[in-house]
Amino acid sequence: MNSINAFLKAVKDEEFVEGHEVLEDDWRKLKSNPDTLEESKILKGLINGSTALALKNLGKEKGAYTVWATFEKYRPLIKSEICKNSEKYKEAEKLLDEKYKLYM
């Protein structure tokens, strides 16, 4: 899944809307398959983490914190190592946390 690498780059470059966009197609595919439903929730969390940062940068503070809560809801799945991309997901989590400290 190349999209997680694109997500990492987008978030590193503080292109938070792009971070959301690059994961969306994979999220849609994964959520429609019962075998990958849990992984789709990880992507949903990462998408929401990036979206929260985008909202904060747009001055929409209340919405940013509401959306960040969705990231927090799915965060425990990142540590569950339920898929082959677990290390990349952990890297994404760490990066989102770093950006959270800067902007939120």
Protein backbone atom coordinates (compact mmCIF):
# COMPACT_ATOMS: atom_id res chain seq x y z
CA MET A 1 0.00 0.00 0.00
CA ASN A 2 1.82 3.03 -1.30
CA SER A 3 -0.78 5.40 0.10
CA ILE A 4 0.62 5.18 3.63
CA ASN A 5 3.97 6.45 2.33
CA ALA A 6 2.18 9.30 0.56
CA PHE A 7 0.32 10.02 3.80
CA LEU A 8 3.57 10.18 5.77
CA LYS A 9 5.06 12.58 3.25
CA ALA A 10 1.97 14.79 3.21
CA VAL A 11 1.85 15.05 7.00
CA LYS A 12 5.60 15.68 7.23
CA ASP A 13 5.14 18.47 4.67
CA GLU A 14 2.14 19.76 6.67
CA GLU A 15 -0.20 19.12 3.76
CA PHE A 16 -2.93 17.81 6.03
CA VAL A 17 -5.79 17.90 3.51
CA GLU A 18 -3.64 15.88 1.11
CA GLY A 19 -2.94 13.43 3.93
CA HIS A 20 -6.66 12.82 4.19
CA GLU A 21 -7.07 12.43 0.44
CA VAL A 22 -4.28 9.91 -0.18
CA LEU A 23 -5.73 7.35 2.27
CA GLU A 24 -9.37 7.68 1.32
CA ASP A 25 -9.47 5.20 -1.59
CA ASP A 26 -7.70 2.48 0.40
CA TRP A 27 -9.98 3.12 3.38
CA ARG A 28 -13.05 2.64 1.17
CA LYS A 29 -11.68 -0.62 -0.27
CA LEU A 30 -10.68 -2.03 3.11
CA LYS A 31 -13.94 -1.18 4.88
CA SER A 32 -15.97 -3.14 2.33
CA ASN A 33 -14.12 -6.39 3.12
CA PRO A 34 -14.82 -8.14 6.45
CA ASP A 35 -11.23 -9.46 6.49
CA THR A 36 -9.77 -5.94 6.41
CA LEU A 37 -12.42 -4.05 8.39
CA GLU A 38 -10.13 -3.50 11.40
CA GLU A 39 -7.36 -2.13 9.20
CA SER A 40 -9.88 0.22 7.59
CA LYS A 41 -10.55 1.64 11.05
CA ILE A 42 -6.86 2.41 11.44
CA LEU A 43 -6.96 4.34 8.17
CA LYS A 44 -10.12 6.10 9.30
CA GLY A 45 -8.30 7.18 12.45
CA LEU A 46 -5.27 8.44 10.51
CA ILE A 47 -7.52 10.29 8.08
CA ASN A 48 -9.25 11.97 10.99
CA GLY A 49 -5.96 12.88 12.65
CA SER A 50 -4.82 14.64 9.50
CA THR A 51 -8.20 16.28 9.03
CA ALA A 52 -8.14 17.60 12.60
CA LEU A 53 -4.80 19.28 11.95
CA ALA A 54 -6.15 20.79 8.73
CA LEU A 55 -9.17 22.16 10.58
CA LYS A 56 -6.99 23.65 13.29
CA ASN A 57 -4.87 25.40 10.67
CA LEU A 58 -8.08 26.84 9.20
CA GLY A 59 -9.02 28.28 12.59
CA LYS A 60 -11.79 25.75 13.20
CA GLU A 61 -10.63 24.80 16.66
CA LYS A 62 -13.80 23.17 17.99
CA GLY A 63 -14.15 21.00 14.89
CA ALA A 64 -10.46 20.10 15.07
CA TYR A 65 -10.78 18.71 18.59
CA THR A 66 -13.98 16.85 17.73
CA VAL A 67 -12.33 15.17 14.73
CA TRP A 68 -9.15 14.44 16.72
CA ALA A 69 -11.33 12.47 19.15
CA THR A 70 -12.12 10.06 16.30
CA PHE A 71 -8.40 9.51 15.78
CA GLU A 72 -8.12 8.76 19.49
CA LYS A 73 -11.00 6.29 19.25
CA TYR A 74 -9.14 4.18 16.67
CA ARG A 75 -5.60 4.73 18.02
CA PRO A 76 -5.53 1.45 20.03
CA LEU A 77 -5.88 -0.53 16.79
CA ILE A 78 -2.54 0.85 15.59
CA LYS A 79 -0.77 -1.00 18.39
CA SER A 80 -2.66 -4.23 17.72
CA GLU A 81 -0.41 -5.19 14.79
CA ILE A 82 -3.32 -6.71 12.89
CA CYS A 83 -1.79 -6.10 9.48
CA LYS A 84 1.44 -5.97 7.52
CA ASN A 85 1.53 -2.17 7.58
CA SER A 86 1.68 -1.95 11.37
CA GLU A 87 5.11 -0.30 11.49
CA LYS A 88 4.07 2.38 8.99
CA TYR A 89 0.89 3.01 10.96
CA LYS A 90 2.93 3.44 14.14
CA GLU A 91 5.17 5.89 12.29
CA ALA A 92 2.09 7.81 11.15
CA GLU A 93 0.74 7.89 14.70
CA LYS A 94 4.01 9.31 16.00
CA LEU A 95 4.10 11.94 13.27
CA LEU A 96 0.51 13.01 13.93
CA ASP A 97 1.32 13.32 17.63
CA GLU A 98 4.30 15.55 16.82
CA LYS A 99 2.12 17.79 14.66
CA TYR A 100 -0.57 17.81 17.34
CA LYS A 101 1.93 19.20 19.84
CA LEU A 102 2.86 21.93 17.39
CA TYR A 103 -0.61 23.01 16.34
CA MET A 104 -3.25 21.90 18.77
